């Protein structure tokens, strides 16, 4: 399939609540970058995370196989450092092949679960 998407994406909004009303992994408060690679080559992606009061952290590196998708939880990013909880952040994704990126947050601090999802900003 012909690649679709862009090589550079930004998610200007990020926040991982430290609290959850549930213990099931699927219902723990989290942020996710949903990455789609429809092309015939692996996507090698570098992620940099920005903060209001400190220097950026990164690069985090992930690979999305050809003709595959990855739902990457920011909660699971550990190297070079975990993403802090209860702190605003933003992120930039740089890929060597075109990808599509969507951002999702599940906030379960209260039993009434809140879900937010939006497409990220992209540049060629």
N, C-alpha and C. Protein backbone atom coordinates (compact mmCIF):
# COMPACT_ATOMS: atom_id res chain seq x y z
N UNK A 1 0.85 -1.17 0.00
CA UNK A 1 0.00 0.00 0.00
C UNK A 1 0.90 1.24 0.00
N UNK A 2 0.45 2.26 -0.68
CA UNK A 2 1.16 3.55 -0.71
C UNK A 2 1.14 4.17 0.69
N UNK A 3 2.31 4.66 1.19
CA UNK A 3 2.32 5.30 2.52
C UNK A 3 1.38 6.50 2.57
N UNK A 4 0.78 6.73 3.72
CA UNK A 4 -0.03 7.93 3.96
C UNK A 4 0.44 8.57 5.25
N UNK A 5 0.17 9.85 5.41
CA UNK A 5 0.52 10.55 6.62
C UNK A 5 1.66 11.53 6.42
N UNK A 6 2.32 11.82 7.50
CA UNK A 6 3.43 12.77 7.53
C UNK A 6 4.58 12.18 8.35
N UNK A 7 5.74 12.83 8.26
CA UNK A 7 6.91 12.35 8.99
C UNK A 7 7.12 13.07 10.32
N UNK A 8 6.42 14.19 10.53
CA UNK A 8 6.62 14.98 11.75
C UNK A 8 5.27 15.34 12.33
N UNK A 9 5.08 15.01 13.59
CA UNK A 9 3.81 15.24 14.28
C UNK A 9 4.06 15.86 15.65
N UNK A 10 3.09 16.63 16.12
CA UNK A 10 3.17 17.22 17.47
C UNK A 10 1.85 17.02 18.19
N UNK A 11 1.96 16.67 19.46
CA UNK A 11 0.81 16.63 20.36
C UNK A 11 1.09 17.71 21.41
N UNK A 12 0.36 18.81 21.32
CA UNK A 12 0.64 19.96 22.18
C UNK A 12 0.09 19.76 23.60
N UNK A 13 -0.78 18.80 23.78
CA UNK A 13 -1.44 18.58 25.06
C UNK A 13 -1.06 17.21 25.60
N UNK A 14 -0.60 17.17 26.82
CA UNK A 14 -0.30 15.90 27.46
C UNK A 14 -0.39 16.04 28.97
N UNK A 15 -0.95 15.01 29.62
CA UNK A 15 -1.09 15.01 31.08
C UNK A 15 -1.49 13.60 31.49
N UNK A 16 -0.71 12.98 32.35
CA UNK A 16 -1.03 11.64 32.86
C UNK A 16 -1.42 11.78 34.32
N UNK A 17 -2.69 11.58 34.66
CA UNK A 17 -3.08 11.63 36.08
C UNK A 17 -2.40 10.50 36.86
N UNK A 18 -2.01 10.78 38.07
CA UNK A 18 -1.37 9.75 38.89
C UNK A 18 -2.39 8.85 39.57
N UNK A 19 -3.65 9.27 39.59
CA UNK A 19 -4.68 8.49 40.27
C UNK A 19 -5.62 7.83 39.28
N UNK A 20 -6.17 6.71 39.70
CA UNK A 20 -7.18 5.99 38.95
C UNK A 20 -8.17 5.38 39.92
N UNK A 21 -9.39 5.21 39.47
CA UNK A 21 -10.41 4.57 40.31
C UNK A 21 -10.45 3.07 40.08
N UNK A 22 -9.57 2.56 39.21
CA UNK A 22 -9.58 1.14 38.85
C UNK A 22 -8.17 0.58 38.89
N UNK A 23 -8.06 -0.75 39.00
CA UNK A 23 -6.76 -1.41 39.01
C UNK A 23 -6.51 -2.20 37.73
N UNK A 24 -7.54 -2.44 36.96
CA UNK A 24 -7.41 -3.13 35.67
C UNK A 24 -6.59 -2.26 34.73
N UNK A 25 -5.54 -2.82 34.12
CA UNK A 25 -4.66 -2.03 33.24
C UNK A 25 -5.43 -1.25 32.18
N UNK A 26 -6.47 -1.83 31.63
CA UNK A 26 -7.21 -1.16 30.57
C UNK A 26 -7.96 0.07 31.08
N UNK A 27 -8.15 0.19 32.39
CA UNK A 27 -8.89 1.32 32.95
C UNK A 27 -8.04 2.23 33.82
N UNK A 28 -6.73 2.03 33.83
CA UNK A 28 -5.84 2.93 34.56
C UNK A 28 -5.66 4.21 33.74
N UNK A 29 -5.67 5.36 34.38
CA UNK A 29 -5.48 6.64 33.68
C UNK A 29 -4.21 6.57 32.83
N UNK A 30 -4.33 6.97 31.56
CA UNK A 30 -3.18 6.91 30.67
C UNK A 30 -3.34 7.84 29.48
N UNK A 31 -2.21 8.08 28.82
CA UNK A 31 -2.14 8.80 27.55
C UNK A 31 -1.60 7.82 26.52
N UNK A 32 -2.15 7.88 25.32
CA UNK A 32 -1.73 6.97 24.26
C UNK A 32 -1.48 7.74 22.97
N UNK A 33 -0.41 7.37 22.28
CA UNK A 33 -0.18 7.82 20.91
C UNK A 33 -0.52 6.64 20.01
N UNK A 34 -1.56 6.78 19.21
CA UNK A 34 -1.99 5.73 18.30
C UNK A 34 -1.31 5.99 16.96
N UNK A 35 -0.41 5.10 16.58
CA UNK A 35 0.43 5.29 15.40
C UNK A 35 0.04 4.28 14.33
N UNK A 36 -0.19 4.77 13.11
CA UNK A 36 -0.55 3.91 11.99
C UNK A 36 0.51 4.02 10.91
N UNK A 37 1.05 2.88 10.49
CA UNK A 37 2.02 2.82 9.39
C UNK A 37 1.46 1.88 8.33
N UNK A 38 0.90 2.44 7.26
CA UNK A 38 0.32 1.59 6.20
C UNK A 38 1.32 1.26 5.10
N UNK A 39 2.51 1.83 5.16
CA UNK A 39 3.52 1.61 4.11
C UNK A 39 4.20 0.26 4.20
N UNK A 40 5.09 0.02 3.25
CA UNK A 40 5.81 -1.26 3.15
C UNK A 40 7.15 -1.28 3.87
N UNK A 41 7.49 -0.19 4.59
CA UNK A 41 8.73 -0.13 5.36
C UNK A 41 8.42 0.12 6.83
N UNK A 42 9.26 -0.41 7.73
CA UNK A 42 9.13 -0.10 9.16
C UNK A 42 9.26 1.40 9.37
N UNK A 43 8.55 1.91 10.37
CA UNK A 43 8.70 3.32 10.76
C UNK A 43 9.57 3.36 12.02
N UNK A 44 10.68 4.09 11.94
CA UNK A 44 11.56 4.31 13.10
C UNK A 44 11.25 5.71 13.61
N UNK A 45 10.75 5.78 14.83
CA UNK A 45 10.20 7.03 15.35
C UNK A 45 10.98 7.47 16.58
N UNK A 46 11.31 8.76 16.58
CA UNK A 46 11.98 9.39 17.72
C UNK A 46 10.97 10.35 18.36
N UNK A 47 10.83 10.26 19.67
CA UNK A 47 9.86 11.08 20.41
C UNK A 47 10.63 11.97 21.39
N UNK A 48 10.33 13.27 21.35
CA UNK A 48 10.88 14.21 22.32
C UNK A 48 9.72 14.78 23.12
N UNK A 49 9.88 14.85 24.43
CA UNK A 49 8.83 15.34 25.33
C UNK A 49 9.28 16.67 25.92
N UNK A 50 8.38 17.67 25.86
CA UNK A 50 8.66 19.03 26.31
C UNK A 50 7.84 19.37 27.54
N UNK A 51 8.42 20.22 28.42
CA UNK A 51 7.77 20.63 29.67
C UNK A 51 7.81 22.15 29.80
N UNK A 52 7.00 22.69 30.68
CA UNK A 52 6.95 24.14 30.91
C UNK A 52 8.14 24.63 31.72
N UNK A 53 8.67 23.78 32.60
CA UNK A 53 9.65 24.25 33.58
C UNK A 53 10.98 23.50 33.58
N UNK A 54 11.25 22.73 32.53
CA UNK A 54 12.51 21.97 32.47
C UNK A 54 12.86 21.66 31.02
N UNK A 55 14.04 21.19 30.83
CA UNK A 55 14.52 20.85 29.48
C UNK A 55 13.77 19.63 28.94
N UNK A 56 13.67 19.52 27.62
CA UNK A 56 13.01 18.36 27.01
C UNK A 56 13.72 17.06 27.36
N UNK A 57 12.98 15.96 27.24
CA UNK A 57 13.52 14.62 27.47
C UNK A 57 13.36 13.82 26.18
N UNK A 58 14.38 13.07 25.86
CA UNK A 58 14.30 12.22 24.67
C UNK A 58 15.67 12.07 24.07
N UNK A 59 15.77 11.36 23.01
CA UNK A 59 14.63 10.78 22.32
C UNK A 59 14.23 9.42 22.88
N UNK A 60 12.94 9.19 22.94
CA UNK A 60 12.40 7.86 23.11
C UNK A 60 12.34 7.29 21.69
N UNK A 61 12.60 6.01 21.55
CA UNK A 61 12.61 5.43 20.20
C UNK A 61 11.68 4.23 20.14
N UNK A 62 10.83 4.23 19.12
CA UNK A 62 9.92 3.11 18.90
C UNK A 62 9.93 2.76 17.41
N UNK A 63 9.56 1.53 17.12
CA UNK A 63 9.44 1.06 15.75
C UNK A 63 8.03 0.54 15.54
N UNK A 64 7.43 0.93 14.43
CA UNK A 64 6.13 0.39 14.04
C UNK A 64 6.34 -0.35 12.73
N UNK A 65 6.01 -1.61 12.72
CA UNK A 65 6.22 -2.44 11.55
C UNK A 65 5.45 -1.95 10.34
N UNK A 66 5.88 -2.41 9.18
CA UNK A 66 5.18 -2.10 7.94
C UNK A 66 3.77 -2.67 8.01
N UNK A 67 2.80 -1.86 7.57
CA UNK A 67 1.39 -2.27 7.55
C UNK A 67 0.90 -2.67 8.93
N UNK A 68 1.33 -1.90 9.95
CA UNK A 68 0.97 -2.20 11.34
C UNK A 68 0.55 -0.93 12.07
N UNK A 69 -0.02 -1.14 13.25
CA UNK A 69 -0.38 -0.04 14.13
C UNK A 69 0.22 -0.31 15.51
N UNK A 70 0.43 0.74 16.25
CA UNK A 70 0.94 0.64 17.62
C UNK A 70 0.20 1.65 18.48
N UNK A 71 -0.37 1.19 19.57
CA UNK A 71 -0.97 2.08 20.55
C UNK A 71 0.03 2.17 21.70
N UNK A 72 0.81 3.24 21.67
CA UNK A 72 1.93 3.43 22.58
C UNK A 72 1.47 4.25 23.78
N UNK A 73 1.50 3.67 24.95
CA UNK A 73 1.16 4.40 26.17
C UNK A 73 2.35 5.21 26.65
N UNK A 74 2.13 6.51 26.82
CA UNK A 74 3.17 7.35 27.39
C UNK A 74 3.54 6.85 28.78
N UNK A 75 2.60 6.27 29.50
CA UNK A 75 2.86 5.72 30.84
C UNK A 75 3.97 4.68 30.81
N UNK A 76 4.12 3.98 29.68
CA UNK A 76 5.10 2.89 29.58
C UNK A 76 6.48 3.36 29.13
N UNK A 77 6.62 4.61 28.72
CA UNK A 77 7.94 5.10 28.28
C UNK A 77 8.86 5.22 29.49
N UNK A 78 10.01 4.59 29.43
CA UNK A 78 10.94 4.57 30.56
C UNK A 78 12.34 5.09 30.20
N UNK A 79 12.75 4.91 28.95
CA UNK A 79 14.12 5.22 28.57
C UNK A 79 14.12 6.33 27.51
N UNK A 80 14.63 7.50 27.82
CA UNK A 80 15.64 7.78 28.83
C UNK A 80 15.11 8.14 30.22
N UNK A 81 13.79 8.38 30.39
CA UNK A 81 13.23 8.68 31.72
C UNK A 81 11.72 8.50 31.65
N UNK A 82 11.10 8.09 32.77
CA UNK A 82 9.64 7.99 32.79
C UNK A 82 8.99 9.37 32.61
N UNK A 83 7.81 9.40 32.01
CA UNK A 83 7.06 10.65 31.89
C UNK A 83 6.43 10.94 33.25
N UNK A 84 6.67 12.14 33.81
CA UNK A 84 6.12 12.45 35.14
C UNK A 84 4.59 12.48 35.13
N UNK A 85 3.99 12.05 36.22
CA UNK A 85 2.55 12.10 36.40
C UNK A 85 2.15 13.48 36.93
N UNK A 86 0.92 13.87 36.68
CA UNK A 86 0.36 15.13 37.19
C UNK A 86 1.14 16.36 36.73
N UNK A 87 1.70 16.31 35.52
CA UNK A 87 2.47 17.42 34.98
C UNK A 87 2.14 17.59 33.51
N UNK A 88 1.89 18.84 33.09
CA UNK A 88 1.64 19.11 31.68
C UNK A 88 2.89 18.84 30.86
N UNK A 89 2.69 18.29 29.67
CA UNK A 89 3.80 18.09 28.74
C UNK A 89 3.27 18.12 27.32
N UNK A 90 4.16 18.17 26.36
CA UNK A 90 3.83 18.10 24.94
C UNK A 90 4.88 17.18 24.30
N UNK A 91 4.59 16.72 23.09
CA UNK A 91 5.52 15.78 22.46
C UNK A 91 5.61 16.00 20.95
N UNK A 92 6.78 15.67 20.41
CA UNK A 92 7.02 15.72 18.98
C UNK A 92 7.50 14.35 18.53
N UNK A 93 6.88 13.84 17.45
CA UNK A 93 7.21 12.55 16.87
C UNK A 93 7.86 12.79 15.52
N UNK A 94 9.04 12.21 15.29
CA UNK A 94 9.73 12.32 14.01
C UNK A 94 9.98 10.92 13.48
N UNK A 95 9.45 10.65 12.29
CA UNK A 95 9.52 9.33 11.69
C UNK A 95 10.31 9.38 10.38
N UNK A 96 10.93 8.27 10.04
CA UNK A 96 11.67 8.22 8.78
C UNK A 96 10.77 7.89 7.58
N UNK A 97 9.54 7.47 7.83
CA UNK A 97 8.55 7.24 6.78
C UNK A 97 7.23 7.88 7.22
N UNK A 98 6.33 8.17 6.30
CA UNK A 98 5.05 8.78 6.69
C UNK A 98 4.23 7.86 7.60
N UNK A 99 3.63 8.46 8.62
CA UNK A 99 2.75 7.77 9.55
C UNK A 99 1.55 8.67 9.83
N UNK A 100 0.54 8.12 10.47
CA UNK A 100 -0.60 8.89 10.97
C UNK A 100 -0.58 8.75 12.49
N UNK A 101 -0.84 9.85 13.19
CA UNK A 101 -0.75 9.85 14.66
C UNK A 101 -2.02 10.44 15.26
N UNK A 102 -2.56 9.73 16.25
CA UNK A 102 -3.72 10.21 17.00
C UNK A 102 -3.38 10.14 18.48
N UNK A 103 -3.94 11.07 19.26
CA UNK A 103 -3.68 11.16 20.69
C UNK A 103 -4.95 10.81 21.45
N UNK A 104 -4.81 9.99 22.49
CA UNK A 104 -5.95 9.61 23.33
C UNK A 104 -5.56 9.68 24.81
N UNK A 105 -6.48 10.18 25.63
CA UNK A 105 -6.29 10.15 27.09
C UNK A 105 -7.49 9.46 27.73
N UNK A 106 -7.19 8.57 28.67
CA UNK A 106 -8.22 8.00 29.53
C UNK A 106 -7.95 8.51 30.94
N UNK A 107 -8.93 9.23 31.48
CA UNK A 107 -8.81 9.81 32.82
C UNK A 107 -9.83 9.11 33.71
N UNK A 108 -9.34 8.29 34.62
CA UNK A 108 -10.23 7.54 35.50
C UNK A 108 -10.04 7.93 36.96
N UNK A 109 -9.71 9.21 37.19
CA UNK A 109 -9.58 9.66 38.58
C UNK A 109 -10.90 9.52 39.31
N UNK A 110 -12.00 9.60 38.59
CA UNK A 110 -13.34 9.41 39.16
C UNK A 110 -13.96 8.19 38.50
N UNK A 111 -14.91 7.58 39.14
CA UNK A 111 -15.54 6.38 38.60
C UNK A 111 -16.21 6.66 37.26
N UNK A 112 -16.62 7.90 37.03
CA UNK A 112 -17.17 8.29 35.73
C UNK A 112 -15.98 8.52 34.79
N UNK A 113 -15.70 7.56 33.98
CA UNK A 113 -14.52 7.58 33.12
C UNK A 113 -14.63 8.67 32.06
N UNK A 114 -13.51 9.34 31.80
CA UNK A 114 -13.46 10.38 30.78
C UNK A 114 -12.45 9.96 29.71
N UNK A 115 -12.86 10.09 28.45
CA UNK A 115 -11.98 9.74 27.34
C UNK A 115 -11.90 10.91 26.38
N UNK A 116 -10.67 11.27 25.98
CA UNK A 116 -10.43 12.35 25.04
C UNK A 116 -9.60 11.79 23.90
N UNK A 117 -9.91 12.15 22.67
CA UNK A 117 -9.13 11.71 21.54
C UNK A 117 -9.11 12.79 20.47
N UNK A 118 -7.95 12.99 19.85
CA UNK A 118 -7.82 13.99 18.81
C UNK A 118 -6.67 13.61 17.88
N UNK A 119 -6.75 14.07 16.64
CA UNK A 119 -5.66 13.85 15.71
C UNK A 119 -4.55 14.86 16.05
N UNK A 120 -3.31 14.47 15.91
CA UNK A 120 -2.19 15.34 16.22
C UNK A 120 -1.97 16.35 15.08
N UNK A 121 -1.15 17.36 15.32
CA UNK A 121 -0.74 18.32 14.29
C UNK A 121 0.42 17.71 13.51
N UNK A 122 0.41 17.87 12.19
CA UNK A 122 1.49 17.30 11.39
C UNK A 122 2.13 18.28 10.44
N UNK A 123 3.37 17.98 10.09
CA UNK A 123 4.11 18.68 9.06
C UNK A 123 4.75 17.64 8.17
N UNK A 124 5.02 17.99 6.94
CA UNK A 124 5.67 17.05 6.01
C UNK A 124 7.05 16.69 6.48
